[in-house]
Amino acid sequence: MRILVVDDDPDLSLLMSLFLRKAGHDVTTAGDGIEALGSIREQVPDIVVLDWNMPRLDGLGLTAAVRGELGLTSLPLLMVTALPDHAKALAGGVDRVLVKPFTAAGLVEAVEQLAGAERAT
């Protein structure tokens, strides 16, 4: 599965990428929402794992652009965040929220469940 990880923290981005690659997935990364939009325009991934709080274009702004501007309403979006307002993220178009801190197994499970749910529809 092709996964785009979007996070402005390079250490966390690397860690998530390693967890997902170890589980057999093809992972690319972006450092913020603007970079992610460019990557998505070039090649739509199977799922996007995105941070909420990023410079230039945050996770909610990226979600709005993916759903609206790009019209990718069925692209699974998994938001990782330490922020408490999960309802706002879900109402904004994110499919699932994973709370930081999380485990490698928790991230892989969330990604695979979300991708599996998308394939089942």
C-alpha atoms as a PDB file:
ATOM      1  CA  MET A   1       0.000   0.000   0.000  1.00  0.00           C
ATOM      2  CA  ARG A   2       1.243   3.508  -0.839  1.00  0.00           C
ATOM      3  CA  ILE A   3       1.146   5.772   2.208  1.00  0.00           C
ATOM      4  CA  LEU A   4       1.918   9.476   2.446  1.00  0.00           C
ATOM      5  CA  VAL A   5       3.066  10.572   5.923  1.00  0.00           C
ATOM      6  CA  VAL A   6       2.710  14.319   6.519  1.00  0.00           C
ATOM      7  CA  ASP A   7       4.355  15.745   9.638  1.00  0.00           C
ATOM      8  CA  ASP A   8       6.562  18.767  10.300  1.00  0.00           C
ATOM      9  CA  ASP A   9       8.524  16.871  12.971  1.00  0.00           C
ATOM     10  CA  PRO A  10      11.234  15.057  10.976  1.00  0.00           C
ATOM     11  CA  ASP A  11      11.940  12.599  13.797  1.00  0.00           C
ATOM     12  CA  LEU A  12       8.297  11.562  14.127  1.00  0.00           C
ATOM     13  CA  SER A  13       7.892  11.427  10.352  1.00  0.00           C
ATOM     14  CA  LEU A  14      10.916   9.117  10.115  1.00  0.00           C
ATOM     15  CA  LEU A  15       9.649   6.950  12.960  1.00  0.00           C
ATOM     16  CA  MET A  16       6.171   6.560  11.427  1.00  0.00           C
ATOM     17  CA  SER A  17       7.758   5.783   8.059  1.00  0.00           C
ATOM     18  CA  LEU A  18       9.949   3.097   9.608  1.00  0.00           C
ATOM     19  CA  PHE A  19       6.975   1.505  11.407  1.00  0.00           C
ATOM     20  CA  LEU A  20       4.943   1.415   8.193  1.00  0.00           C
ATOM     21  CA  ARG A  21       7.800   0.227   5.976  1.00  0.00           C
ATOM     22  CA  LYS A  22       8.531  -2.582   8.423  1.00  0.00           C
ATOM     23  CA  ALA A  23       4.890  -3.640   7.959  1.00  0.00           C
ATOM     24  CA  GLY A  24       5.515  -3.855   4.211  1.00  0.00           C
ATOM     25  CA  HIS A  25       4.146  -0.536   2.982  1.00  0.00           C
ATOM     26  CA  ASP A  26       5.594   1.924   0.464  1.00  0.00           C
ATOM     27  CA  VAL A  27       5.950   5.256   2.294  1.00  0.00           C
ATOM     28  CA  THR A  28       6.692   8.777   1.137  1.00  0.00           C
ATOM     29  CA  THR A  29       6.807  11.837   3.378  1.00  0.00           C
ATOM     30  CA  ALA A  30       5.967  15.528   3.293  1.00  0.00           C
ATOM     31  CA  GLY A  31       6.929  18.174   5.839  1.00  0.00           C
ATOM     32  CA  ASP A  32       3.689  20.183   5.723  1.00  0.00           C
ATOM     33  CA  GLY A  33       0.335  20.452   3.984  1.00  0.00           C
ATOM     34  CA  ILE A  34       1.611  22.450   1.012  1.00  0.00           C
ATOM     35  CA  GLU A  35       4.275  19.849   0.235  1.00  0.00           C
ATOM     36  CA  ALA A  36       1.691  17.090   0.732  1.00  0.00           C
ATOM     37  CA  LEU A  37      -0.704  18.642  -1.794  1.00  0.00           C
ATOM     38  CA  GLY A  38       2.064  18.652  -4.394  1.00  0.00           C
ATOM     39  CA  SER A  39       2.845  15.030  -3.670  1.00  0.00           C
ATOM     40  CA  ILE A  40      -0.827  14.022  -3.865  1.00  0.00           C
ATOM     41  CA  ARG A  41      -1.239  15.843  -7.183  1.00  0.00           C
ATOM     42  CA  GLU A  42       1.723  13.894  -8.599  1.00  0.00           C
ATOM     43  CA  GLN A  43       0.532  10.493  -7.363  1.00  0.00           C
ATOM     44  CA  VAL A  44      -2.494   9.845  -5.192  1.00  0.00           C
ATOM     45  CA  PRO A  45      -1.524   7.522  -2.342  1.00  0.00           C
ATOM     46  CA  ASP A  46      -3.742   4.788  -0.936  1.00  0.00           C
ATOM     47  CA  ILE A  47      -3.900   6.578   2.430  1.00  0.00           C
ATOM     48  CA  VAL A  48      -2.592   9.777   4.023  1.00  0.00           C
ATOM     49  CA  VAL A  49      -1.361   9.922   7.624  1.00  0.00           C
ATOM     50  CA  LEU A  50      -1.276  13.570   8.632  1.00  0.00           C
ATOM     51  CA  ASP A  51      -0.451  15.704  11.629  1.00  0.00           C
ATOM     52  CA  TRP A  52      -2.906  18.345  12.790  1.00  0.00           C
ATOM     53  CA  ASN A  53      -0.508  21.104  13.831  1.00  0.00           C
ATOM     54  CA  MET A  54       1.871  22.073  10.984  1.00  0.00           C
ATOM     55  CA  PRO A  55       3.184  25.341   9.521  1.00  0.00           C
ATOM     56  CA  ARG A  56       1.958  26.829   6.237  1.00  0.00           C
ATOM     57  CA  LEU A  57      -1.026  24.467   5.911  1.00  0.00           C
ATOM     58  CA  ASP A  58      -2.196  22.464   8.909  1.00  0.00           C
ATOM     59  CA  GLY A  59      -3.956  19.113   8.916  1.00  0.00           C
ATOM     60  CA  LEU A  60      -7.456  20.563   8.788  1.00  0.00           C
ATOM     61  CA  GLY A  61      -6.486  22.823   5.887  1.00  0.00           C
ATOM     62  CA  LEU A  62      -4.909  19.888   4.067  1.00  0.00           C
ATOM     63  CA  THR A  63      -8.034  17.826   4.673  1.00  0.00           C
ATOM     64  CA  ALA A  64     -10.232  20.595   3.267  1.00  0.00           C
ATOM     65  CA  ALA A  65      -7.997  20.885   0.175  1.00  0.00           C
ATOM     66  CA  VAL A  66      -7.942  17.117  -0.401  1.00  0.00           C
ATOM     67  CA  ARG A  67     -11.712  16.807  -0.037  1.00  0.00           C
ATOM     68  CA  GLY A  68     -12.642  20.042  -1.824  1.00  0.00           C
ATOM     69  CA  GLU A  69      -9.986  21.343  -4.229  1.00  0.00           C
ATOM     70  CA  LEU A  70      -8.698  17.908  -5.259  1.00  0.00           C
ATOM     71  CA  GLY A  71     -12.104  16.217  -4.966  1.00  0.00           C
ATOM     72  CA  LEU A  72     -10.633  13.123  -3.312  1.00  0.00           C
ATOM     73  CA  THR A  73     -13.587  12.379  -1.065  1.00  0.00           C
ATOM     74  CA  SER A  74     -12.783   8.687  -0.685  1.00  0.00           C
ATOM     75  CA  LEU A  75      -9.036   9.012   0.021  1.00  0.00           C
ATOM     76  CA  PRO A  76      -8.577   7.674   3.584  1.00  0.00           C
ATOM     77  CA  LEU A  77      -7.147  10.294   5.953  1.00  0.00           C
ATOM     78  CA  LEU A  78      -5.727   9.320   9.353  1.00  0.00           C
ATOM     79  CA  MET A  79      -4.901  12.270  11.583  1.00  0.00           C
ATOM     80  CA  VAL A  80      -2.290  11.841  14.316  1.00  0.00           C
ATOM     81  CA  THR A  81      -2.526  14.445  17.051  1.00  0.00           C
ATOM     82  CA  ALA A  82      -2.042  15.200  20.704  1.00  0.00           C
ATOM     83  CA  LEU A  83      -4.783  17.843  20.509  1.00  0.00           C
ATOM     84  CA  PRO A  84      -8.011  17.003  22.333  1.00  0.00           C
ATOM     85  CA  ASP A  85     -10.638  18.164  19.806  1.00  0.00           C
ATOM     86  CA  HIS A  86     -11.098  14.989  17.781  1.00  0.00           C
ATOM     87  CA  ALA A  87     -14.692  15.856  16.892  1.00  0.00           C
ATOM     88  CA  LYS A  88     -13.449  18.926  14.996  1.00  0.00           C
ATOM     89  CA  ALA A  89     -11.022  16.781  12.984  1.00  0.00           C
ATOM     90  CA  LEU A  90     -13.689  14.209  12.177  1.00  0.00           C
ATOM     91  CA  ALA A  91     -16.211  16.914  11.261  1.00  0.00           C
ATOM     92  CA  GLY A  92     -13.549  18.469   9.017  1.00  0.00           C
ATOM     93  CA  GLY A  93     -13.349  15.339   6.871  1.00  0.00           C
ATOM     94  CA  VAL A  94     -10.723  13.169   8.549  1.00  0.00           C
ATOM     95  CA  ASP A  95     -11.714   9.495   8.621  1.00  0.00           C
ATOM     96  CA  ARG A  96      -9.985   8.554  11.862  1.00  0.00           C
ATOM     97  CA  VAL A  97      -7.900  10.125  14.634  1.00  0.00           C
ATOM     98  CA  LEU A  98      -4.935   8.431  16.313  1.00  0.00           C
ATOM     99  CA  VAL A  99      -3.880  10.065  19.570  1.00  0.00           C
ATOM    100  CA  LYS A 100      -0.207  10.715  20.321  1.00  0.00           C
ATOM    101  CA  PRO A 101       1.655   9.040  21.805  1.00  0.00           C
ATOM    102  CA  PHE A 102       0.925   5.828  19.926  1.00  0.00           C
ATOM    103  CA  THR A 103       2.739   2.554  19.419  1.00  0.00           C
ATOM    104  CA  ALA A 104       4.111   1.131  16.185  1.00  0.00           C
ATOM    105  CA  ALA A 105       1.447  -1.566  16.316  1.00  0.00           C
ATOM    106  CA  GLY A 106      -1.256   1.036  16.948  1.00  0.00           C
ATOM    107  CA  LEU A 107      -0.227   3.074  13.905  1.00  0.00           C
ATOM    108  CA  VAL A 108       0.008   0.071  11.598  1.00  0.00           C
ATOM    109  CA  GLU A 109      -3.324  -1.284  12.840  1.00  0.00           C
ATOM    110  CA  ALA A 110      -5.082   2.073  12.361  1.00  0.00           C
ATOM    111  CA  VAL A 111      -3.691   2.465   8.824  1.00  0.00           C
ATOM    112  CA  GLU A 112      -4.568  -1.066   7.786  1.00  0.00           C
ATOM    113  CA  GLN A 113      -8.061  -0.927   9.308  1.00  0.00           C
ATOM    114  CA  LEU A 114      -8.796   2.377   7.600  1.00  0.00           C
ATOM    115  CA  ALA A 115      -7.450   1.155   4.265  1.00  0.00           C
ATOM    116  CA  GLY A 116      -9.377  -2.115   4.639  1.00  0.00           C
ATOM    117  CA  ALA A 117     -12.590  -0.238   5.346  1.00  0.00           C
ATOM    118  CA  GLU A 118     -12.021   1.838   2.207  1.00  0.00           C
ATOM    119  CA  ARG A 119     -11.470  -1.272   0.079  1.00  0.00           C
ATOM    120  CA  ALA A 120     -14.650  -2.827   1.477  1.00  0.00           C
ATOM    121  CA  THR A 121     -16.842   0.089   0.324  1.00  0.00           C
END
